Amino acid sequence: MSKKKEEEQRQAELQQEISRTKIPRGREVFGILEQRLGGGRTRVRCLDGKTRVCRIPGRLKRKLWVREGDLIIVEPWEFQGDEKGDILYKYSRAQVEFLKQRGLLKQLKEFEEF
């Protein structure tokens, strides 16, 4: 494949990824991963002002790889929801920029990671 064709294909994949950006619904909130604690647990600072200890559910454990500073979607637990939650989705850098442009991350200016 030529370099020009590879570049066009990468741009098309990037545009498709941005057009399918997931948005939190219901009780789900945006969060920024602060620290990996081990044992599948992480500390996440959510945009609703709370810090939660979150886990990656078993069905996503092998598919979802997260690092500190990643923007994620957190679903608080029904019991102890202010302290604990599940990580449902991780955004790529292109998706984060897309969400910023649409104005969905206005509260993110308080956080300095992005």
N, C-alpha and C. Protein backbone atom coordinates (compact mmCIF):
# COMPACT_ATOMS: atom_id res chain seq x y z
N MET A 1 0.84 -1.19 0.00
CA MET A 1 0.00 0.00 0.00
C MET A 1 0.88 1.25 0.00
N SER A 2 0.47 2.25 -0.71
CA SER A 2 1.24 3.48 -0.74
C SER A 2 1.02 4.28 0.54
N LYS A 3 1.94 5.16 0.82
CA LYS A 3 1.85 5.95 2.05
C LYS A 3 0.63 6.87 2.04
N LYS A 4 0.30 7.39 0.87
CA LYS A 4 -0.85 8.28 0.76
C LYS A 4 -2.15 7.53 1.07
N LYS A 5 -2.25 6.32 0.55
CA LYS A 5 -3.45 5.52 0.79
C LYS A 5 -3.55 5.11 2.27
N GLU A 6 -2.43 4.78 2.89
CA GLU A 6 -2.43 4.45 4.32
C GLU A 6 -2.87 5.64 5.15
N GLU A 7 -2.42 6.82 4.81
CA GLU A 7 -2.80 8.04 5.54
C GLU A 7 -4.29 8.31 5.39
N GLU A 8 -4.82 8.14 4.19
CA GLU A 8 -6.26 8.34 3.98
C GLU A 8 -7.07 7.34 4.78
N GLN A 9 -6.60 6.09 4.83
CA GLN A 9 -7.32 5.06 5.58
C GLN A 9 -7.29 5.38 7.08
N ARG A 10 -6.16 5.84 7.59
CA ARG A 10 -6.06 6.20 9.01
C ARG A 10 -6.98 7.37 9.34
N GLN A 11 -7.06 8.35 8.46
CA GLN A 11 -7.96 9.49 8.66
C GLN A 11 -9.42 9.05 8.67
N ALA A 12 -9.78 8.12 7.79
CA ALA A 12 -11.15 7.62 7.74
C ALA A 12 -11.50 6.87 9.02
N GLU A 13 -10.56 6.06 9.52
CA GLU A 13 -10.79 5.33 10.78
C GLU A 13 -10.94 6.30 11.93
N LEU A 14 -10.13 7.34 11.96
CA LEU A 14 -10.20 8.35 13.02
C LEU A 14 -11.55 9.07 12.99
N GLN A 15 -12.02 9.43 11.80
CA GLN A 15 -13.31 10.10 11.68
C GLN A 15 -14.45 9.19 12.11
N GLN A 16 -14.36 7.91 11.77
CA GLN A 16 -15.38 6.96 12.18
C GLN A 16 -15.38 6.80 13.70
N GLU A 17 -14.21 6.78 14.32
CA GLU A 17 -14.09 6.66 15.76
C GLU A 17 -14.72 7.87 16.45
N ILE A 18 -14.49 9.05 15.92
CA ILE A 18 -15.04 10.27 16.52
C ILE A 18 -16.56 10.30 16.38
N SER A 19 -17.08 9.85 15.25
CA SER A 19 -18.52 9.91 15.04
C SER A 19 -19.27 8.94 15.96
N ARG A 20 -18.58 7.95 16.51
CA ARG A 20 -19.21 6.98 17.39
C ARG A 20 -18.87 7.23 18.86
N THR A 21 -18.60 8.44 19.22
CA THR A 21 -18.21 8.76 20.59
C THR A 21 -19.37 8.55 21.55
N LYS A 22 -19.11 7.78 22.59
CA LYS A 22 -20.13 7.46 23.59
C LYS A 22 -20.24 8.61 24.58
N ILE A 23 -21.47 8.91 24.99
CA ILE A 23 -21.75 9.99 25.94
C ILE A 23 -22.43 9.39 27.17
N PRO A 24 -22.06 9.84 28.38
CA PRO A 24 -22.68 9.26 29.59
C PRO A 24 -24.19 9.44 29.60
N ARG A 25 -24.89 8.40 30.03
CA ARG A 25 -26.35 8.44 30.13
C ARG A 25 -26.77 7.99 31.52
N GLY A 26 -27.88 8.52 31.97
CA GLY A 26 -28.42 8.11 33.27
C GLY A 26 -27.50 8.51 34.41
N ARG A 27 -27.06 7.54 35.19
CA ARG A 27 -26.23 7.83 36.36
C ARG A 27 -24.75 7.91 36.01
N GLU A 28 -24.36 7.62 34.79
CA GLU A 28 -22.96 7.60 34.39
C GLU A 28 -22.38 9.02 34.40
N VAL A 29 -21.09 9.13 34.76
CA VAL A 29 -20.41 10.42 34.81
C VAL A 29 -19.03 10.29 34.17
N PHE A 30 -18.48 11.42 33.72
CA PHE A 30 -17.10 11.47 33.25
C PHE A 30 -16.17 11.39 34.45
N GLY A 31 -14.99 10.85 34.24
CA GLY A 31 -13.99 10.80 35.29
C GLY A 31 -12.60 10.77 34.70
N ILE A 32 -11.62 11.16 35.52
CA ILE A 32 -10.22 11.11 35.13
C ILE A 32 -9.51 10.15 36.05
N LEU A 33 -8.83 9.18 35.49
CA LEU A 33 -8.13 8.19 36.29
C LEU A 33 -6.93 8.84 36.96
N GLU A 34 -6.90 8.83 38.28
CA GLU A 34 -5.81 9.44 39.04
C GLU A 34 -4.70 8.46 39.36
N GLN A 35 -5.09 7.25 39.79
CA GLN A 35 -4.09 6.32 40.28
C GLN A 35 -4.56 4.88 40.09
N ARG A 36 -3.65 4.01 39.69
CA ARG A 36 -3.94 2.58 39.64
C ARG A 36 -3.54 1.98 40.97
N LEU A 37 -4.46 1.29 41.62
CA LEU A 37 -4.23 0.80 42.97
C LEU A 37 -3.80 -0.67 43.00
N GLY A 38 -4.02 -1.40 41.93
CA GLY A 38 -3.68 -2.81 41.89
C GLY A 38 -4.90 -3.67 42.16
N GLY A 39 -4.83 -4.90 41.76
CA GLY A 39 -5.96 -5.80 41.94
C GLY A 39 -7.17 -5.41 41.13
N GLY A 40 -6.96 -4.72 40.01
CA GLY A 40 -8.08 -4.30 39.17
C GLY A 40 -8.80 -3.06 39.66
N ARG A 41 -8.25 -2.40 40.66
CA ARG A 41 -8.89 -1.21 41.22
C ARG A 41 -8.13 0.05 40.82
N THR A 42 -8.87 1.16 40.71
CA THR A 42 -8.28 2.45 40.36
C THR A 42 -8.94 3.55 41.17
N ARG A 43 -8.26 4.66 41.33
CA ARG A 43 -8.84 5.84 41.97
C ARG A 43 -9.17 6.82 40.86
N VAL A 44 -10.43 7.24 40.82
CA VAL A 44 -10.92 8.10 39.74
C VAL A 44 -11.52 9.36 40.33
N ARG A 45 -11.13 10.51 39.77
CA ARG A 45 -11.74 11.78 40.15
C ARG A 45 -12.84 12.08 39.14
N CYS A 46 -14.08 12.02 39.60
CA CYS A 46 -15.24 12.21 38.72
C CYS A 46 -15.59 13.68 38.60
N LEU A 47 -16.23 14.04 37.49
CA LEU A 47 -16.58 15.44 37.25
C LEU A 47 -17.79 15.89 38.06
N ASP A 48 -18.39 14.99 38.85
CA ASP A 48 -19.44 15.41 39.77
C ASP A 48 -18.85 15.82 41.12
N GLY A 49 -17.51 15.90 41.21
CA GLY A 49 -16.84 16.39 42.41
C GLY A 49 -16.46 15.32 43.41
N LYS A 50 -16.65 14.06 43.10
CA LYS A 50 -16.36 12.99 44.05
C LYS A 50 -15.19 12.15 43.54
N THR A 51 -14.44 11.60 44.48
CA THR A 51 -13.36 10.68 44.15
C THR A 51 -13.82 9.28 44.52
N ARG A 52 -13.76 8.37 43.54
CA ARG A 52 -14.25 7.01 43.75
C ARG A 52 -13.16 5.99 43.51
N VAL A 53 -13.25 4.87 44.22
CA VAL A 53 -12.42 3.71 43.93
C VAL A 53 -13.24 2.87 42.96
N CYS A 54 -12.73 2.71 41.75
CA CYS A 54 -13.48 2.03 40.69
C CYS A 54 -12.76 0.76 40.26
N ARG A 55 -13.53 -0.14 39.68
CA ARG A 55 -12.97 -1.37 39.15
C ARG A 55 -13.42 -1.52 37.71
N ILE A 56 -12.68 -2.35 36.98
CA ILE A 56 -13.07 -2.70 35.62
C ILE A 56 -13.83 -4.01 35.72
N PRO A 57 -15.09 -4.06 35.31
CA PRO A 57 -15.86 -5.31 35.40
C PRO A 57 -15.19 -6.44 34.62
N GLY A 58 -15.45 -7.68 35.03
CA GLY A 58 -14.82 -8.84 34.43
C GLY A 58 -15.01 -8.95 32.93
N ARG A 59 -16.16 -8.53 32.41
CA ARG A 59 -16.41 -8.65 30.97
C ARG A 59 -15.52 -7.71 30.16
N LEU A 60 -14.98 -6.65 30.79
CA LEU A 60 -14.12 -5.70 30.09
C LEU A 60 -12.65 -5.79 30.49
N LYS A 61 -12.34 -6.67 31.42
CA LYS A 61 -11.00 -6.70 32.01
C LYS A 61 -9.89 -6.87 30.98
N ARG A 62 -10.07 -7.73 30.02
CA ARG A 62 -9.03 -7.98 29.02
C ARG A 62 -9.08 -7.00 27.84
N LYS A 63 -10.20 -6.34 27.66
CA LYS A 63 -10.38 -5.43 26.52
C LYS A 63 -10.00 -3.98 26.85
N LEU A 64 -10.20 -3.57 28.09
CA LEU A 64 -10.06 -2.17 28.46
C LEU A 64 -8.78 -1.95 29.26
N TRP A 65 -7.81 -1.30 28.64
CA TRP A 65 -6.55 -1.00 29.30
C TRP A 65 -6.51 0.49 29.58
N VAL A 66 -6.34 0.85 30.85
CA VAL A 66 -6.37 2.26 31.24
C VAL A 66 -5.04 2.67 31.86
N ARG A 67 -4.75 3.97 31.74
CA ARG A 67 -3.55 4.57 32.33
C ARG A 67 -3.95 5.82 33.09
N GLU A 68 -3.06 6.30 33.91
CA GLU A 68 -3.33 7.53 34.66
C GLU A 68 -3.50 8.69 33.68
N GLY A 69 -4.50 9.52 33.95
CA GLY A 69 -4.78 10.66 33.09
C GLY A 69 -5.82 10.39 32.01
N ASP A 70 -6.27 9.16 31.87
CA ASP A 70 -7.28 8.83 30.85
C ASP A 70 -8.65 9.37 31.24
N LEU A 71 -9.40 9.83 30.26
CA LEU A 71 -10.79 10.23 30.46
C LEU A 71 -11.66 8.99 30.27
N ILE A 72 -12.52 8.72 31.26
CA ILE A 72 -13.31 7.50 31.25
C ILE A 72 -14.76 7.81 31.64
N ILE A 73 -15.62 6.84 31.45
CA ILE A 73 -17.00 6.91 31.93
C ILE A 73 -17.11 5.98 33.13
N VAL A 74 -17.66 6.51 34.22
CA VAL A 74 -17.82 5.75 35.46
C VAL A 74 -19.31 5.62 35.77
N GLU A 75 -19.72 4.41 36.16
CA GLU A 75 -21.07 4.21 36.64
C GLU A 75 -21.00 3.94 38.14
N PRO A 76 -21.48 4.88 38.98
CA PRO A 76 -21.45 4.66 40.44
C PRO A 76 -22.30 3.46 40.83
N TRP A 77 -21.87 2.75 41.86
CA TRP A 77 -22.64 1.62 42.36
C TRP A 77 -23.91 2.13 43.02
N GLU A 78 -24.92 1.30 43.07
CA GLU A 78 -26.16 1.69 43.75
C GLU A 78 -25.94 1.79 45.25
N PHE A 79 -25.15 0.87 45.79
CA PHE A 79 -24.80 0.89 47.21
C PHE A 79 -23.40 1.46 47.31
N GLN A 80 -23.17 2.45 48.14
CA GLN A 80 -21.89 3.16 48.29
C GLN A 80 -21.50 3.86 46.98
N GLY A 81 -22.45 4.43 46.29
CA GLY A 81 -22.20 5.07 45.01
C GLY A 81 -21.32 6.30 45.08
N ASP A 82 -21.22 6.94 46.25
CA ASP A 82 -20.35 8.11 46.39
C ASP A 82 -18.89 7.70 46.55
N GLU A 83 -18.64 6.43 46.85
CA GLU A 83 -17.28 5.96 47.11
C GLU A 83 -16.77 4.97 46.07
N LYS A 84 -17.68 4.24 45.41
CA LYS A 84 -17.26 3.16 44.51
C LYS A 84 -18.02 3.21 43.19
N GLY A 85 -17.42 2.60 42.17
CA GLY A 85 -18.07 2.56 40.87
C GLY A 85 -17.37 1.61 39.91
N ASP A 86 -17.91 1.49 38.71
CA ASP A 86 -17.36 0.64 37.66
C ASP A 86 -16.92 1.52 36.49
N ILE A 87 -15.82 1.15 35.86
CA ILE A 87 -15.34 1.84 34.66
C ILE A 87 -15.99 1.16 33.46
N LEU A 88 -16.67 1.96 32.63
CA LEU A 88 -17.38 1.39 31.49
C LEU A 88 -16.71 1.65 30.15
N TYR A 89 -16.00 2.77 30.01
CA TYR A 89 -15.50 3.15 28.69
C TYR A 89 -14.29 4.07 28.85
N LYS A 90 -13.33 3.96 27.94
CA LYS A 90 -12.16 4.85 27.91
C LYS A 90 -12.15 5.60 26.58
N TYR A 91 -11.92 6.91 26.65
CA TYR A 91 -11.88 7.75 25.46
C TYR A 91 -10.46 7.84 24.91
N SER A 92 -10.35 7.91 23.59
CA SER A 92 -9.06 8.16 22.95
C SER A 92 -8.82 9.67 22.94
N ARG A 93 -7.61 10.07 22.60
CA ARG A 93 -7.27 11.51 22.55
C ARG A 93 -8.15 12.26 21.54
N ALA A 94 -8.38 11.65 20.39
CA ALA A 94 -9.21 12.31 19.36
C ALA A 94 -10.64 12.49 19.87
N GLN A 95 -11.15 11.51 20.59
CA GLN A 95 -12.50 11.63 21.12
C GLN A 95 -12.58 12.71 22.20
N VAL A 96 -11.53 12.85 23.02
CA VAL A 96 -11.51 13.90 24.04
C VAL A 96 -11.56 15.27 23.39
N GLU A 97 -10.78 15.46 22.33
CA GLU A 97 -10.79 16.74 21.61
C GLU A 97 -12.16 17.01 21.00
N PHE A 98 -12.79 15.99 20.47
CA PHE A 98 -14.12 16.12 19.89
C PHE A 98 -15.13 16.55 20.96
N LEU A 99 -15.06 15.93 22.14
CA LEU A 99 -15.98 16.29 23.23
C LEU A 99 -15.74 17.72 23.71
N LYS A 100 -14.49 18.14 23.74
CA LYS A 100 -14.18 19.52 24.14
C LYS A 100 -14.77 20.52 23.14
N GLN A 101 -14.64 20.21 21.85
CA GLN A 101 -15.16 21.10 20.82
C GLN A 101 -16.67 21.22 20.89
N ARG A 102 -17.35 20.14 21.26
CA ARG A 102 -18.80 20.16 21.37
C ARG A 102 -19.28 20.80 22.67
N GLY A 103 -18.35 21.10 23.59
CA GLY A 103 -18.71 21.75 24.84
C GLY A 103 -19.21 20.82 25.92
N LEU A 104 -18.96 19.53 25.80
CA LEU A 104 -19.42 18.57 26.79
C LEU A 104 -18.48 18.44 27.98
N LEU A 105 -17.30 19.03 27.88
CA LEU A 105 -16.31 18.92 28.95
C LEU A 105 -15.94 20.28 29.52
N LYS A 106 -16.94 21.12 29.76
CA LYS A 106 -16.66 22.45 30.30
C LYS A 106 -16.05 22.38 31.69
N GLN A 107 -16.46 21.38 32.49
CA GLN A 107 -15.92 21.23 33.83
C GLN A 107 -14.48 20.73 33.82
N LEU A 108 -14.03 20.24 32.69
CA LEU A 108 -12.69 19.67 32.60
C LEU A 108 -11.61 20.74 32.75
N LYS A 109 -11.94 21.99 32.55
CA LYS A 109 -10.96 23.08 32.68
C LYS A 109 -10.42 23.17 34.10
N GLU A 110 -11.18 22.69 35.08
CA GLU A 110 -10.72 22.69 36.46
C GLU A 110 -9.58 21.70 36.66
N PHE A 111 -9.55 20.66 35.85
CA PHE A 111 -8.51 19.63 35.95
C PHE A 111 -7.40 19.99 34.98
N GLU A 112 -6.17 19.85 35.41
CA GLU A 112 -5.05 20.30 34.60
C GLU A 112 -4.40 19.20 33.76
N GLU A 113 -4.89 17.98 33.83
CA GLU A 113 -4.29 16.89 33.07
C GLU A 113 -4.50 17.06 31.57
N PHE A 114 -5.61 17.64 31.17
CA PHE A 114 -5.89 17.77 29.76
C PHE A 114 -5.64 19.19 29.37
